[in-house]
């Protein structure tokens, strides 16, 4: 019976470590998701600013500003 109790105790210890590992990984994934969302929003802001800057540069023609080839 002692061997059986030792095996159960070993399984309980493993379960506790697994639960702790799962919780740690879950927290890490949550932090990474928040960071990725923050970086996505920052990228959108930068892309919008770059577009506004490119449109405000005088003499710089974009594809929309150029006349069609037959002119």
PDB file of N, CA and C in Angstrom:
ATOM      1  N   UNK A   1       0.811  -1.194   0.000  1.00  0.00           N
ATOM      2  CA  UNK A   1       0.000   0.000   0.000  1.00  0.00           C
ATOM      3  C   UNK A   1       0.861   1.268   0.000  1.00  0.00           C
ATOM      4  N   UNK A   2       2.032   1.202   0.588  1.00  0.00           N
ATOM      5  CA  UNK A   2       2.918   2.364   0.630  1.00  0.00           C
ATOM      6  C   UNK A   2       3.341   2.781  -0.772  1.00  0.00           C
ATOM      7  N   UNK A   3       3.570   1.802  -1.649  1.00  0.00           N
ATOM      8  CA  UNK A   3       3.959   2.118  -3.023  1.00  0.00           C
ATOM      9  C   UNK A   3       2.826   2.841  -3.735  1.00  0.00           C
ATOM     10  N   UNK A   4       1.611   2.397  -3.495  1.00  0.00           N
ATOM     11  CA  UNK A   4       0.450   3.022  -4.099  1.00  0.00           C
ATOM     12  C   UNK A   4       0.301   4.472  -3.612  1.00  0.00           C
ATOM     13  N   UNK A   5       0.466   4.709  -2.324  1.00  0.00           N
ATOM     14  CA  UNK A   5       0.365   6.049  -1.751  1.00  0.00           C
ATOM     15  C   UNK A   5       1.492   6.949  -2.272  1.00  0.00           C
ATOM     16  N   UNK A   6       2.659   6.383  -2.455  1.00  0.00           N
ATOM     17  CA  UNK A   6       3.795   7.149  -2.975  1.00  0.00           C
ATOM     18  C   UNK A   6       3.519   7.568  -4.424  1.00  0.00           C
ATOM     19  N   UNK A   7       2.942   6.675  -5.188  1.00  0.00           N
ATOM     20  CA  UNK A   7       2.618   7.005  -6.578  1.00  0.00           C
ATOM     21  C   UNK A   7       1.559   8.091  -6.638  1.00  0.00           C
ATOM     22  N   UNK A   8       0.557   8.010  -5.759  1.00  0.00           N
ATOM     23  CA  UNK A   8      -0.489   9.034  -5.727  1.00  0.00           C
ATOM     24  C   UNK A   8       0.113  10.375  -5.318  1.00  0.00           C
ATOM     25  N   UNK A   9       0.991  10.373  -4.328  1.00  0.00           N
ATOM     26  CA  UNK A   9       1.646  11.608  -3.893  1.00  0.00           C
ATOM     27  C   UNK A   9       2.480  12.198  -5.033  1.00  0.00           C
ATOM     28  N   UNK A  10       3.181  11.343  -5.774  1.00  0.00           N
ATOM     29  CA  UNK A  10       3.977  11.806  -6.909  1.00  0.00           C
ATOM     30  C   UNK A  10       3.079  12.432  -7.977  1.00  0.00           C
ATOM     31  N   UNK A  11       1.951  11.791  -8.239  1.00  0.00           N
ATOM     32  CA  UNK A  11       1.011  12.347  -9.225  1.00  0.00           C
ATOM     33  C   UNK A  11       0.432  13.681  -8.762  1.00  0.00           C
ATOM     34  N   UNK A  12       0.155  13.799  -7.478  1.00  0.00           N
ATOM     35  CA  UNK A  12      -0.360  15.058  -6.954  1.00  0.00           C
ATOM     36  C   UNK A  12       0.672  16.172  -7.088  1.00  0.00           C
ATOM     37  N   UNK A  13       1.924  15.866  -6.829  1.00  0.00           N
ATOM     38  CA  UNK A  13       2.990  16.857  -6.970  1.00  0.00           C
ATOM     39  C   UNK A  13       3.111  17.278  -8.431  1.00  0.00           C
ATOM     40  N   UNK A  14       3.070  16.318  -9.330  1.00  0.00           N
ATOM     41  CA  UNK A  14       3.138  16.639 -10.758  1.00  0.00           C
ATOM     42  C   UNK A  14       1.967  17.514 -11.183  1.00  0.00           C
ATOM     43  N   UNK A  15       0.791  17.207 -10.671  1.00  0.00           N
ATOM     44  CA  UNK A  15      -0.401  17.982 -11.008  1.00  0.00           C
ATOM     45  C   UNK A  15      -0.253  19.434 -10.564  1.00  0.00           C
ATOM     46  N   UNK A  16       0.283  19.629  -9.369  1.00  0.00           N
ATOM     47  CA  UNK A  16       0.480  20.990  -8.869  1.00  0.00           C
ATOM     48  C   UNK A  16       1.452  21.747  -9.763  1.00  0.00           C
ATOM     49  N   UNK A  17       2.554  21.116 -10.157  1.00  0.00           N
ATOM     50  CA  UNK A  17       3.513  21.768 -11.037  1.00  0.00           C
ATOM     51  C   UNK A  17       2.907  22.049 -12.414  1.00  0.00           C
ATOM     52  N   UNK A  18       2.113  21.134 -12.913  1.00  0.00           N
ATOM     53  CA  UNK A  18       1.461  21.343 -14.207  1.00  0.00           C
ATOM     54  C   UNK A  18       0.462  22.491 -14.130  1.00  0.00           C
ATOM     55  N   UNK A  19      -0.309  22.553 -13.064  1.00  0.00           N
ATOM     56  CA  UNK A  19      -1.260  23.649 -12.892  1.00  0.00           C
ATOM     57  C   UNK A  19      -0.531  24.984 -12.844  1.00  0.00           C
ATOM     58  N   UNK A  20       0.595  25.016 -12.124  1.00  0.00           N
ATOM     59  CA  UNK A  20       1.378  26.245 -12.042  1.00  0.00           C
ATOM     60  C   UNK A  20       1.939  26.629 -13.410  1.00  0.00           C
ATOM     61  N   UNK A  21       2.428  25.655 -14.146  1.00  0.00           N
ATOM     62  CA  UNK A  21       2.969  25.926 -15.483  1.00  0.00           C
ATOM     63  C   UNK A  21       1.885  26.423 -16.425  1.00  0.00           C
ATOM     64  N   UNK A  22       0.731  25.808 -16.379  1.00  0.00           N
ATOM     65  CA  UNK A  22      -0.382  26.225 -17.234  1.00  0.00           C
ATOM     66  C   UNK A  22      -0.803  27.650 -16.897  1.00  0.00           C
ATOM     67  N   UNK A  23      -0.876  27.986 -15.621  1.00  0.00           N
ATOM     68  CA  UNK A  23      -1.254  29.333 -15.202  1.00  0.00           C
ATOM     69  C   UNK A  23      -0.215  30.344 -15.676  1.00  0.00           C
ATOM     70  N   UNK A  24       1.057  30.018 -15.522  1.00  0.00           N
ATOM     71  CA  UNK A  24       2.126  30.926 -15.965  1.00  0.00           C
ATOM     72  C   UNK A  24       2.067  31.148 -17.474  1.00  0.00           C
ATOM     73  N   UNK A  25       1.865  30.083 -18.222  1.00  0.00           N
ATOM     74  CA  UNK A  25       1.777  30.198 -19.680  1.00  0.00           C
ATOM     75  C   UNK A  25       0.550  30.996 -20.103  1.00  0.00           C
ATOM     76  N   UNK A  26      -0.539  30.803 -19.414  1.00  0.00           N
ATOM     77  CA  UNK A  26      -1.757  31.538 -19.719  1.00  0.00           C
ATOM     78  C   UNK A  26      -1.552  33.032 -19.493  1.00  0.00           C
ATOM     79  N   UNK A  27      -0.908  33.391 -18.404  1.00  0.00           N
ATOM     80  CA  UNK A  27      -0.626  34.798 -18.126  1.00  0.00           C
ATOM     81  C   UNK A  27       0.305  35.378 -19.188  1.00  0.00           C
ATOM     82  N   UNK A  28       1.292  34.606 -19.602  1.00  0.00           N
ATOM     83  CA  UNK A  28       2.232  35.066 -20.613  1.00  0.00           C
ATOM     84  C   UNK A  28       1.523  35.303 -21.950  1.00  0.00           C
ATOM     85  N   UNK A  29       0.654  34.391 -22.334  1.00  0.00           N
ATOM     86  CA  UNK A  29      -0.091  34.548 -23.587  1.00  0.00           C
ATOM     87  C   UNK A  29      -0.981  35.786 -23.524  1.00  0.00           C
ATOM     88  N   UNK A  30      -1.618  36.013 -22.394  1.00  0.00           N
ATOM     89  CA  UNK A  30      -2.464  37.194 -22.224  1.00  0.00           C
ATOM     90  C   UNK A  30      -1.642  38.469 -22.358  1.00  0.00           C
ATOM     91  N   UNK A  31      -0.464  38.507 -21.727  1.00  0.00           N
ATOM     92  CA  UNK A  31       0.416  39.677 -21.842  1.00  0.00           C
ATOM     93  C   UNK A  31       0.851  39.891 -23.284  1.00  0.00           C
ATOM     94  N   UNK A  32       1.180  38.826 -23.974  1.00  0.00           N
ATOM     95  CA  UNK A  32       1.615  38.948 -25.362  1.00  0.00           C
ATOM     96  C   UNK A  32       0.480  39.439 -26.257  1.00  0.00           C
ATOM     97  N   UNK A  33      -0.723  38.983 -26.010  1.00  0.00           N
ATOM     98  CA  UNK A  33      -1.860  39.452 -26.801  1.00  0.00           C
ATOM     99  C   UNK A  33      -2.088  40.946 -26.595  1.00  0.00           C
ATOM    100  N   UNK A  34      -1.978  41.400 -25.351  1.00  0.00           N
ATOM    101  CA  UNK A  34      -2.140  42.820 -25.073  1.00  0.00           C
ATOM    102  C   UNK A  34      -1.036  43.635 -25.748  1.00  0.00           C
ATOM    103  N   UNK A  35       0.186  43.144 -25.694  1.00  0.00           N
ATOM    104  CA  UNK A  35       1.306  43.833 -26.331  1.00  0.00           C
ATOM    105  C   UNK A  35       1.131  43.875 -27.849  1.00  0.00           C
ATOM    106  N   UNK A  36       0.685  42.790 -28.442  1.00  0.00           N
ATOM    107  CA  UNK A  36       0.459  42.766 -29.887  1.00  0.00           C
ATOM    108  C   UNK A  36      -0.643  43.745 -30.281  1.00  0.00           C
ATOM    109  N   UNK A  37      -1.684  43.854 -29.489  1.00  0.00           N
ATOM    110  CA  UNK A  37      -2.765  44.796 -29.781  1.00  0.00           C
ATOM    111  C   UNK A  37      -2.240  46.228 -29.675  1.00  0.00           C
ATOM    112  N   UNK A  38      -1.413  46.501 -28.665  1.00  0.00           N
ATOM    113  CA  UNK A  38      -0.839  47.829 -28.514  1.00  0.00           C
ATOM    114  C   UNK A  38       0.054  48.164 -29.712  1.00  0.00           C
ATOM    115  N   UNK A  39       0.848  47.219 -30.160  1.00  0.00           N
ATOM    116  CA  UNK A  39       1.726  47.446 -31.306  1.00  0.00           C
ATOM    117  C   UNK A  39       0.921  47.604 -32.600  1.00  0.00           C
ATOM    118  N   UNK A  40      -0.174  46.879 -32.734  1.00  0.00           N
ATOM    119  CA  UNK A  40      -1.030  47.020 -33.916  1.00  0.00           C
ATOM    120  C   UNK A  40      -1.614  48.423 -33.992  1.00  0.00           C
ATOM    121  N   UNK A  41      -2.097  48.919 -32.850  1.00  0.00           N
ATOM    122  CA  UNK A  41      -2.647  50.283 -32.830  1.00  0.00           C
ATOM    123  C   UNK A  41      -1.565  51.315 -33.137  1.00  0.00           C
ATOM    124  N   UNK A  42      -0.365  51.110 -32.586  1.00  0.00           N
ATOM    125  CA  UNK A  42       0.738  52.039 -32.857  1.00  0.00           C
ATOM    126  C   UNK A  42       1.109  52.013 -34.335  1.00  0.00           C
ATOM    127  N   UNK A  43       1.103  50.847 -34.940  1.00  0.00           N
ATOM    128  CA  UNK A  43       1.411  50.734 -36.366  1.00  0.00           C
ATOM    129  C   UNK A  43       0.363  51.447 -37.213  1.00  0.00           C
ATOM    130  N   UNK A  44      -0.893  51.327 -36.844  1.00  0.00           N
ATOM    131  CA  UNK A  44      -1.951  52.033 -37.569  1.00  0.00           C
ATOM    132  C   UNK A  44      -1.754  53.546 -37.484  1.00  0.00           C
ATOM    133  N   UNK A  45      -1.395  54.039 -36.302  1.00  0.00           N
ATOM    134  CA  UNK A  45      -1.152  55.475 -36.134  1.00  0.00           C
ATOM    135  C   UNK A  45       0.029  55.907 -37.002  1.00  0.00           C
ATOM    136  N   UNK A  46       1.109  55.137 -36.976  1.00  0.00           N
ATOM    137  CA  UNK A  46       2.285  55.474 -37.783  1.00  0.00           C
ATOM    138  C   UNK A  46       1.971  55.445 -39.275  1.00  0.00           C
ATOM    139  N   UNK A  47       1.212  54.468 -39.715  1.00  0.00           N
ATOM    140  CA  UNK A  47       0.852  54.378 -41.134  1.00  0.00           C
ATOM    141  C   UNK A  47      -0.008  55.575 -41.543  1.00  0.00           C
ATOM    142  N   UNK A  48      -0.920  55.968 -40.680  1.00  0.00           N
ATOM    143  CA  UNK A  48      -1.769  57.130 -40.973  1.00  0.00           C
ATOM    144  C   UNK A  48      -0.924  58.399 -41.035  1.00  0.00           C
ATOM    145  N   UNK A  49      -0.004  58.574 -40.094  1.00  0.00           N
ATOM    146  CA  UNK A  49       0.871  59.748 -40.097  1.00  0.00           C
ATOM    147  C   UNK A  49       1.762  59.777 -41.335  1.00  0.00           C
ATOM    148  N   UNK A  50       2.291  58.627 -41.706  1.00  0.00           N
ATOM    149  CA  UNK A  50       3.150  58.552 -42.895  1.00  0.00           C
ATOM    150  C   UNK A  50       2.359  58.929 -44.134  1.00  0.00           C
ATOM    151  N   UNK A  51       1.146  58.456 -44.221  1.00  0.00           N
ATOM    152  CA  UNK A  51       0.293  58.776 -45.361  1.00  0.00           C
ATOM    153  C   UNK A  51      -0.016  60.267 -45.405  1.00  0.00           C
ATOM    154  N   UNK A  52      -0.324  60.847 -44.249  1.00  0.00           N
ATOM    155  CA  UNK A  52      -0.601  62.283 -44.188  1.00  0.00           C
ATOM    156  C   UNK A  52       0.643  63.085 -44.554  1.00  0.00           C
ATOM    157  N   UNK A  53       1.790  62.652 -44.075  1.00  0.00           N
ATOM    158  CA  UNK A  53       3.043  63.335 -44.387  1.00  0.00           C
ATOM    159  C   UNK A  53       3.351  63.264 -45.874  1.00  0.00           C
ATOM    160  N   UNK A  54       3.175  62.104 -46.460  1.00  0.00           N
ATOM    161  CA  UNK A  54       3.447  61.932 -47.890  1.00  0.00           C
ATOM    162  C   UNK A  54       2.511  62.808 -48.716  1.00  0.00           C
ATOM    163  N   UNK A  55       1.281  62.951 -48.281  1.00  0.00           N
ATOM    164  CA  UNK A  55       0.323  63.770 -49.021  1.00  0.00           C
ATOM    165  C   UNK A  55       0.624  65.255 -48.876  1.00  0.00           C
ATOM    166  N   UNK A  56       1.288  65.650 -47.799  1.00  0.00           N
ATOM    167  CA  UNK A  56       1.541  67.070 -47.562  1.00  0.00           C
ATOM    168  C   UNK A  56       2.847  67.566 -48.181  1.00  0.00           C
ATOM    169  N   UNK A  57       3.668  66.674 -48.722  1.00  0.00           N
ATOM    170  CA  UNK A  57       4.933  67.084 -49.326  1.00  0.00           C
ATOM    171  C   UNK A  57       4.650  67.675 -50.700  1.00  0.00           C
ATOM    172  N   UNK A  58       4.996  68.967 -50.898  1.00  0.00           N
ATOM    173  CA  UNK A  58       4.728  69.593 -52.197  1.00  0.00           C
ATOM    174  C   UNK A  58       5.643  69.022 -53.274  1.00  0.00           C
ATOM    175  N   UNK A  59       5.110  68.885 -54.468  1.00  0.00           N
ATOM    176  CA  UNK A  59       5.896  68.388 -55.588  1.00  0.00           C
ATOM    177  C   UNK A  59       6.016  66.877 -55.641  1.00  0.00           C
ATOM    178  N   UNK A  60       5.570  66.214 -54.631  1.00  0.00           N
ATOM    179  CA  UNK A  60       5.606  64.754 -54.631  1.00  0.00           C
ATOM    180  C   UNK A  60       4.277  64.251 -55.162  1.00  0.00           C
ATOM    181  N   UNK A  61       4.297  63.679 -56.334  1.00  0.00           N
ATOM    182  CA  UNK A  61       3.064  63.181 -56.941  1.00  0.00           C
ATOM    183  C   UNK A  61       2.842  61.740 -56.523  1.00  0.00           C
ATOM    184  N   UNK A  62       1.624  61.455 -56.175  1.00  0.00           N
ATOM    185  CA  UNK A  62       1.245  60.070 -55.896  1.00  0.00           C
ATOM    186  C   UNK A  62       0.547  59.518 -57.120  1.00  0.00           C
ATOM    187  N   UNK A  63       0.241  58.271 -57.099  1.00  0.00           N
ATOM    188  CA  UNK A  63      -0.446  57.650 -58.233  1.00  0.00           C
ATOM    189  C   UNK A  63      -1.779  58.339 -58.525  1.00  0.00           C
ATOM    190  N   UNK A  64      -2.452  58.865 -57.493  1.00  0.00           N
ATOM    191  CA  UNK A  64      -3.742  59.519 -57.682  1.00  0.00           C
ATOM    192  C   UNK A  64      -3.593  60.900 -58.324  1.00  0.00           C
ATOM    193  N   UNK A  65      -2.433  61.539 -58.129  1.00  0.00           N
ATOM    194  CA  UNK A  65      -2.223  62.890 -58.642  1.00  0.00           C
ATOM    195  C   UNK A  65      -1.760  62.917 -60.095  1.00  0.00           C
ATOM    196  N   UNK A  66      -1.264  61.860 -60.611  1.00  0.00           N
ATOM    197  CA  UNK A  66      -0.716  61.844 -61.957  1.00  0.00           C
ATOM    198  C   UNK A  66      -1.823  61.755 -63.006  1.00  0.00           C
ATOM    199  N   UNK A  67      -1.679  62.510 -64.083  1.00  0.00           N
ATOM    200  CA  UNK A  67      -2.705  62.415 -65.143  1.00  0.00           C
ATOM    201  C   UNK A  67      -2.582  61.057 -65.854  1.00  0.00           C
ATOM    202  N   UNK A  68      -3.649  60.647 -66.472  1.00  0.00           N
ATOM    203  CA  UNK A  68      -3.598  59.380 -67.213  1.00  0.00           C
ATOM    204  C   UNK A  68      -2.565  59.463 -68.338  1.00  0.00           C
ATOM    205  N   UNK A  69      -2.059  58.356 -68.830  1.00  0.00           N
ATOM    206  CA  UNK A  69      -0.990  58.346 -69.833  1.00  0.00           C
ATOM    207  C   UNK A  69      -1.385  59.002 -71.157  1.00  0.00           C
ATOM    208  N   UNK A  70      -2.649  59.108 -71.499  1.00  0.00           N
ATOM    209  CA  UNK A  70      -3.032  59.667 -72.803  1.00  0.00           C
ATOM    210  C   UNK A  70      -3.010  61.191 -72.822  1.00  0.00           C
ATOM    211  N   UNK A  71      -2.697  61.872 -71.730  1.00  0.00           N
ATOM    212  CA  UNK A  71      -2.600  63.339 -71.729  1.00  0.00           C
ATOM    213  C   UNK A  71      -1.247  63.791 -72.117  1.00  0.00           C
TER     214      UNK A  71
END
